[in-house]
């Protein structure tokens, strides 16, 4: 997948090169969140014609689960950019990307359920 012209590189996702196991759904959610946020950042850099090249995103996500509940710590997201943007432009870029990334917007809302979900594997 190629990002917009902000100089971002391609992403490669390998679930399991041996085809024996796959990442957990929470791992896929974390990957999807970083991907969505980074995509929005690159789009806003393009739309606003900001002098930014090669944006890099590092995101750490931690989840705590047991049989009855799941919780997460706030995602720790860092953006590294090359360019001549001001601090205010950078803050505006981060806010716009977070507000238009569906996954980041969803992280700001508490999700509760009174249903127990079970799965059967055939």
N, C-alpha and C. Protein backbone atom coordinates (compact mmCIF):
# COMPACT_ATOMS: atom_id res chain seq x y z
N UNK A 1 0.85 -1.17 0.00
CA UNK A 1 0.00 0.00 0.00
C UNK A 1 0.89 1.23 0.00
N UNK A 2 0.59 2.14 -0.86
CA UNK A 2 1.38 3.37 -0.96
C UNK A 2 0.62 4.52 -0.32
N UNK A 3 1.31 5.30 0.49
CA UNK A 3 0.71 6.45 1.14
C UNK A 3 0.68 7.63 0.19
N UNK A 4 -0.08 8.66 0.55
CA UNK A 4 -0.07 9.89 -0.25
C UNK A 4 1.35 10.45 -0.36
N UNK A 5 1.52 11.50 -1.09
CA UNK A 5 2.83 12.02 -1.46
C UNK A 5 3.63 12.66 -0.32
N UNK A 6 3.30 12.38 0.91
CA UNK A 6 4.03 13.00 2.03
C UNK A 6 5.39 12.34 2.25
N UNK A 7 5.77 11.44 1.38
CA UNK A 7 7.07 10.81 1.52
C UNK A 7 7.04 9.60 2.43
N UNK A 8 5.85 9.15 2.79
CA UNK A 8 5.75 7.99 3.66
C UNK A 8 6.10 6.73 2.87
N UNK A 9 6.58 5.75 3.56
CA UNK A 9 6.96 4.51 2.91
C UNK A 9 5.81 3.52 2.92
N UNK A 10 6.01 2.40 2.27
CA UNK A 10 5.00 1.36 2.25
C UNK A 10 5.01 0.61 3.57
N UNK A 11 3.86 0.02 3.90
CA UNK A 11 3.74 -0.82 5.08
C UNK A 11 3.74 -2.27 4.62
N UNK A 12 4.33 -3.12 5.41
CA UNK A 12 4.26 -4.55 5.17
C UNK A 12 3.82 -5.20 6.47
N UNK A 13 2.82 -6.06 6.39
CA UNK A 13 2.31 -6.75 7.56
C UNK A 13 2.41 -8.24 7.31
N UNK A 14 3.16 -8.91 8.16
CA UNK A 14 3.28 -10.37 8.08
C UNK A 14 2.67 -10.92 9.36
N UNK A 15 1.59 -11.69 9.21
CA UNK A 15 0.93 -12.26 10.38
C UNK A 15 1.75 -13.41 10.95
N UNK A 16 2.11 -14.32 10.10
CA UNK A 16 2.90 -15.46 10.54
C UNK A 16 3.50 -16.11 9.32
N UNK A 17 4.79 -15.97 9.17
CA UNK A 17 5.42 -16.50 7.96
C UNK A 17 5.48 -18.02 7.93
N UNK A 18 5.16 -18.68 9.06
CA UNK A 18 5.13 -20.15 9.07
C UNK A 18 3.72 -20.69 8.91
N UNK A 19 2.72 -19.81 8.92
CA UNK A 19 1.30 -20.19 8.78
C UNK A 19 0.81 -21.10 9.91
N UNK A 20 1.41 -20.97 11.11
CA UNK A 20 0.97 -21.77 12.25
C UNK A 20 0.12 -20.99 13.24
N UNK A 21 0.41 -19.72 13.41
CA UNK A 21 -0.36 -18.90 14.34
C UNK A 21 -0.61 -17.53 13.73
N UNK A 22 -1.51 -16.82 14.34
CA UNK A 22 -1.80 -15.45 13.89
C UNK A 22 -1.82 -14.54 15.10
N UNK A 23 -1.60 -13.25 14.90
CA UNK A 23 -1.68 -12.31 16.02
C UNK A 23 -3.09 -12.27 16.61
N UNK A 24 -3.18 -11.82 17.82
CA UNK A 24 -4.47 -11.72 18.49
C UNK A 24 -5.31 -10.61 17.86
N UNK A 25 -6.62 -10.62 18.08
CA UNK A 25 -7.45 -9.52 17.59
C UNK A 25 -7.00 -8.16 18.14
N UNK A 26 -6.50 -8.12 19.37
CA UNK A 26 -6.01 -6.85 19.92
C UNK A 26 -4.77 -6.37 19.17
N UNK A 27 -3.93 -7.29 18.73
CA UNK A 27 -2.76 -6.89 17.93
C UNK A 27 -3.21 -6.30 16.61
N UNK A 28 -4.19 -6.94 15.97
CA UNK A 28 -4.72 -6.39 14.71
C UNK A 28 -5.37 -5.03 14.94
N UNK A 29 -6.07 -4.86 16.05
CA UNK A 29 -6.67 -3.56 16.37
C UNK A 29 -5.58 -2.50 16.52
N UNK A 30 -4.50 -2.82 17.21
CA UNK A 30 -3.41 -1.88 17.39
C UNK A 30 -2.78 -1.50 16.06
N UNK A 31 -2.56 -2.49 15.21
CA UNK A 31 -2.00 -2.23 13.88
C UNK A 31 -2.94 -1.35 13.08
N UNK A 32 -4.22 -1.66 13.11
CA UNK A 32 -5.21 -0.87 12.37
C UNK A 32 -5.28 0.56 12.85
N UNK A 33 -5.17 0.75 14.15
CA UNK A 33 -5.20 2.10 14.72
C UNK A 33 -4.00 2.91 14.26
N UNK A 34 -2.83 2.34 14.32
CA UNK A 34 -1.62 3.05 13.87
C UNK A 34 -1.71 3.33 12.37
N UNK A 35 -2.18 2.36 11.59
CA UNK A 35 -2.29 2.54 10.15
C UNK A 35 -3.26 3.66 9.80
N UNK A 36 -4.43 3.68 10.44
CA UNK A 36 -5.44 4.70 10.18
C UNK A 36 -4.91 6.09 10.54
N UNK A 37 -4.32 6.21 11.70
CA UNK A 37 -3.81 7.50 12.16
C UNK A 37 -2.71 8.01 11.24
N UNK A 38 -1.79 7.14 10.87
CA UNK A 38 -0.68 7.53 9.99
C UNK A 38 -1.20 7.94 8.62
N UNK A 39 -2.20 7.23 8.12
CA UNK A 39 -2.80 7.57 6.83
C UNK A 39 -3.41 8.96 6.88
N UNK A 40 -4.15 9.27 7.95
CA UNK A 40 -4.75 10.60 8.09
C UNK A 40 -3.67 11.68 8.20
N UNK A 41 -2.61 11.41 8.93
CA UNK A 41 -1.50 12.37 9.02
C UNK A 41 -0.95 12.69 7.63
N UNK A 42 -0.70 11.64 6.86
CA UNK A 42 -0.13 11.85 5.52
C UNK A 42 -1.10 12.60 4.62
N UNK A 43 -2.38 12.33 4.74
CA UNK A 43 -3.37 13.04 3.93
C UNK A 43 -3.38 14.53 4.28
N UNK A 44 -3.34 14.84 5.57
CA UNK A 44 -3.37 16.25 5.97
C UNK A 44 -2.09 16.97 5.58
N UNK A 45 -0.97 16.29 5.62
CA UNK A 45 0.28 16.90 5.15
C UNK A 45 0.13 17.25 3.68
N UNK A 46 -0.44 16.34 2.90
CA UNK A 46 -0.65 16.60 1.47
C UNK A 46 -1.63 17.74 1.22
N UNK A 47 -2.79 17.69 1.89
CA UNK A 47 -3.85 18.69 1.67
C UNK A 47 -3.37 20.09 2.07
N UNK A 48 -2.67 20.16 3.17
CA UNK A 48 -2.21 21.47 3.65
C UNK A 48 -0.88 21.89 3.03
N UNK A 49 -0.34 21.02 2.21
CA UNK A 49 0.94 21.27 1.53
C UNK A 49 2.03 21.69 2.51
N UNK A 50 2.12 20.93 3.60
CA UNK A 50 3.12 21.23 4.62
C UNK A 50 4.48 20.68 4.17
N UNK A 51 5.55 21.41 4.50
CA UNK A 51 6.89 20.96 4.13
C UNK A 51 7.38 19.84 5.05
N UNK A 52 6.81 18.66 4.89
CA UNK A 52 7.13 17.50 5.72
C UNK A 52 7.54 16.36 4.81
N UNK A 53 8.56 15.62 5.23
CA UNK A 53 8.94 14.44 4.48
C UNK A 53 9.18 13.28 5.45
N UNK A 54 8.91 12.10 4.96
CA UNK A 54 9.16 10.85 5.69
C UNK A 54 8.62 10.83 7.12
N UNK A 55 7.31 11.05 7.31
CA UNK A 55 6.77 10.95 8.68
C UNK A 55 6.86 9.51 9.18
N UNK A 56 7.23 9.36 10.43
CA UNK A 56 7.34 8.03 11.04
C UNK A 56 6.49 8.02 12.30
N UNK A 57 5.78 6.94 12.50
CA UNK A 57 4.89 6.82 13.65
C UNK A 57 5.32 5.63 14.48
N UNK A 58 5.40 5.83 15.79
CA UNK A 58 5.67 4.75 16.73
C UNK A 58 4.52 4.76 17.73
N UNK A 59 3.88 3.62 17.88
CA UNK A 59 2.73 3.53 18.80
C UNK A 59 2.89 2.30 19.69
N UNK A 60 2.73 2.51 20.99
CA UNK A 60 2.76 1.41 21.95
C UNK A 60 1.37 1.29 22.55
N UNK A 61 0.82 0.09 22.50
CA UNK A 61 -0.51 -0.13 23.09
C UNK A 61 -0.43 -1.29 24.07
N UNK A 62 -1.07 -1.11 25.22
CA UNK A 62 -1.06 -2.13 26.27
C UNK A 62 -2.49 -2.47 26.64
N UNK A 63 -2.78 -3.76 26.71
CA UNK A 63 -4.11 -4.24 27.06
C UNK A 63 -4.02 -5.17 28.26
N UNK A 64 -5.02 -5.07 29.11
CA UNK A 64 -5.12 -5.94 30.27
C UNK A 64 -6.43 -6.70 30.14
N UNK A 65 -6.36 -8.01 30.06
CA UNK A 65 -7.58 -8.79 29.88
C UNK A 65 -7.62 -9.92 30.89
N UNK A 66 -8.83 -10.28 31.26
CA UNK A 66 -9.07 -11.51 32.01
C UNK A 66 -10.35 -12.11 31.43
N UNK A 67 -10.90 -13.12 32.07
CA UNK A 67 -12.07 -13.79 31.50
C UNK A 67 -13.31 -12.90 31.43
N UNK A 68 -13.42 -11.92 32.32
CA UNK A 68 -14.64 -11.12 32.38
C UNK A 68 -14.50 -9.72 31.80
N UNK A 69 -13.30 -9.16 31.81
CA UNK A 69 -13.15 -7.77 31.40
C UNK A 69 -11.92 -7.57 30.51
N UNK A 70 -11.91 -6.46 29.87
CA UNK A 70 -10.72 -6.04 29.11
C UNK A 70 -10.57 -4.54 29.32
N UNK A 71 -9.36 -4.10 29.43
CA UNK A 71 -9.08 -2.67 29.61
C UNK A 71 -7.80 -2.35 28.85
N UNK A 72 -7.62 -1.09 28.56
CA UNK A 72 -6.39 -0.69 27.87
C UNK A 72 -5.83 0.56 28.52
N UNK A 73 -4.54 0.65 28.48
CA UNK A 73 -3.87 1.88 28.89
C UNK A 73 -3.97 2.84 27.70
N UNK A 74 -3.83 4.14 27.93
CA UNK A 74 -3.83 5.07 26.80
C UNK A 74 -2.73 4.68 25.80
N UNK A 75 -3.04 4.78 24.53
CA UNK A 75 -2.04 4.49 23.51
C UNK A 75 -0.96 5.56 23.58
N UNK A 76 0.28 5.14 23.52
CA UNK A 76 1.43 6.04 23.56
C UNK A 76 1.92 6.20 22.13
N UNK A 77 1.56 7.32 21.50
CA UNK A 77 1.84 7.54 20.09
C UNK A 77 2.84 8.68 19.91
N UNK A 78 3.87 8.42 19.11
CA UNK A 78 4.90 9.42 18.84
C UNK A 78 5.03 9.60 17.34
N UNK A 79 5.11 10.84 16.91
CA UNK A 79 5.28 11.16 15.50
C UNK A 79 6.64 11.81 15.31
N UNK A 80 7.38 11.31 14.35
CA UNK A 80 8.68 11.87 13.99
C UNK A 80 8.58 12.39 12.57
N UNK A 81 8.89 13.67 12.39
CA UNK A 81 8.79 14.26 11.05
C UNK A 81 10.06 15.02 10.70
N UNK A 82 10.32 15.10 9.43
CA UNK A 82 11.40 15.93 8.89
C UNK A 82 10.73 17.06 8.13
N UNK A 83 11.16 18.27 8.35
CA UNK A 83 10.56 19.39 7.64
C UNK A 83 10.72 20.68 8.41
N UNK A 84 10.01 21.69 7.94
CA UNK A 84 10.12 23.01 8.55
C UNK A 84 8.78 23.51 9.06
N UNK A 85 7.96 22.64 9.61
CA UNK A 85 6.67 23.06 10.14
C UNK A 85 6.85 23.65 11.53
N UNK A 86 5.94 24.54 11.89
CA UNK A 86 5.99 25.17 13.21
C UNK A 86 5.34 24.25 14.24
N UNK A 87 5.52 24.58 15.49
CA UNK A 87 4.89 23.81 16.57
C UNK A 87 3.37 23.87 16.44
N UNK A 88 2.83 25.04 16.13
CA UNK A 88 1.38 25.17 15.97
C UNK A 88 0.86 24.35 14.80
N UNK A 89 1.59 24.32 13.69
CA UNK A 89 1.19 23.51 12.55
C UNK A 89 1.21 22.02 12.92
N UNK A 90 2.20 21.62 13.67
CA UNK A 90 2.31 20.21 14.09
C UNK A 90 1.15 19.84 15.00
N UNK A 91 0.84 20.69 15.97
CA UNK A 91 -0.29 20.42 16.87
C UNK A 91 -1.59 20.33 16.09
N UNK A 92 -1.79 21.22 15.15
CA UNK A 92 -3.00 21.21 14.32
C UNK A 92 -3.07 19.93 13.49
N UNK A 93 -1.95 19.51 12.96
CA UNK A 93 -1.88 18.28 12.18
C UNK A 93 -2.25 17.07 13.02
N UNK A 94 -1.70 16.99 14.22
CA UNK A 94 -1.99 15.86 15.11
C UNK A 94 -3.46 15.83 15.52
N UNK A 95 -4.02 16.99 15.82
CA UNK A 95 -5.43 17.07 16.22
C UNK A 95 -6.34 16.67 15.07
N UNK A 96 -6.08 17.19 13.88
CA UNK A 96 -6.91 16.87 12.71
C UNK A 96 -6.86 15.38 12.41
N UNK A 97 -5.69 14.79 12.46
CA UNK A 97 -5.55 13.36 12.16
C UNK A 97 -6.27 12.52 13.22
N UNK A 98 -6.13 12.88 14.49
CA UNK A 98 -6.81 12.13 15.55
C UNK A 98 -8.32 12.23 15.45
N UNK A 99 -8.82 13.39 15.03
CA UNK A 99 -10.26 13.58 14.92
C UNK A 99 -10.88 12.88 13.71
N UNK A 100 -10.09 12.58 12.70
CA UNK A 100 -10.63 11.93 11.50
C UNK A 100 -10.27 10.45 11.42
N UNK A 101 -9.46 9.97 12.31
CA UNK A 101 -9.13 8.55 12.37
C UNK A 101 -10.22 7.86 13.20
N UNK A 102 -10.99 6.99 12.56
CA UNK A 102 -12.09 6.32 13.25
C UNK A 102 -11.63 5.54 14.48
N UNK A 103 -10.51 4.88 14.37
CA UNK A 103 -10.02 4.09 15.49
C UNK A 103 -9.64 4.97 16.67
N UNK A 104 -8.95 6.09 16.43
CA UNK A 104 -8.58 6.99 17.53
C UNK A 104 -9.82 7.62 18.16
N UNK A 105 -10.79 7.96 17.35
CA UNK A 105 -12.05 8.51 17.90
C UNK A 105 -12.73 7.47 18.79
N UNK A 106 -12.71 6.22 18.36
CA UNK A 106 -13.31 5.15 19.16
C UNK A 106 -12.60 4.91 20.47
N UNK A 107 -11.32 5.19 20.52
CA UNK A 107 -10.57 5.00 21.76
C UNK A 107 -10.97 6.00 22.84
N UNK A 108 -11.61 7.09 22.45
CA UNK A 108 -12.02 8.11 23.41
C UNK A 108 -13.38 7.85 24.03
N UNK A 109 -13.99 6.70 23.71
CA UNK A 109 -15.32 6.37 24.19
C UNK A 109 -15.27 5.07 24.98
N UNK A 110 -15.91 5.05 26.13
CA UNK A 110 -15.96 3.81 26.90
C UNK A 110 -16.93 2.84 26.24
N UNK A 111 -16.50 1.60 26.11
CA UNK A 111 -17.34 0.57 25.51
C UNK A 111 -17.67 -0.44 26.59
N UNK A 112 -18.96 -0.65 26.81
CA UNK A 112 -19.38 -1.63 27.81
C UNK A 112 -20.29 -2.65 27.16
N UNK A 113 -20.37 -3.78 27.79
CA UNK A 113 -21.24 -4.84 27.29
C UNK A 113 -21.74 -5.66 28.46
N UNK A 114 -23.00 -6.06 28.40
CA UNK A 114 -23.53 -6.93 29.43
C UNK A 114 -23.69 -8.36 28.91
N UNK A 115 -23.12 -8.61 27.74
CA UNK A 115 -23.21 -9.92 27.13
C UNK A 115 -21.88 -10.63 27.22
N UNK A 116 -21.93 -11.92 27.48
CA UNK A 116 -20.72 -12.73 27.44
C UNK A 116 -20.61 -13.30 26.04
N UNK A 117 -19.48 -13.10 25.42
CA UNK A 117 -19.26 -13.57 24.06
C UNK A 117 -18.46 -14.86 24.12
N UNK A 118 -18.97 -15.87 23.46
CA UNK A 118 -18.26 -17.15 23.39
C UNK A 118 -18.08 -17.54 21.94
N UNK A 119 -17.06 -18.31 21.71
CA UNK A 119 -16.80 -18.77 20.35
C UNK A 119 -16.59 -20.27 20.37
N UNK A 120 -17.06 -20.91 19.34
CA UNK A 120 -16.88 -22.35 19.18
C UNK A 120 -16.04 -22.58 17.94
N UNK A 121 -15.01 -23.38 18.10
CA UNK A 121 -14.16 -23.72 16.97
C UNK A 121 -14.48 -25.13 16.54
N UNK A 122 -14.81 -25.28 15.27
CA UNK A 122 -15.17 -26.61 14.76
C UNK A 122 -13.95 -27.40 14.40
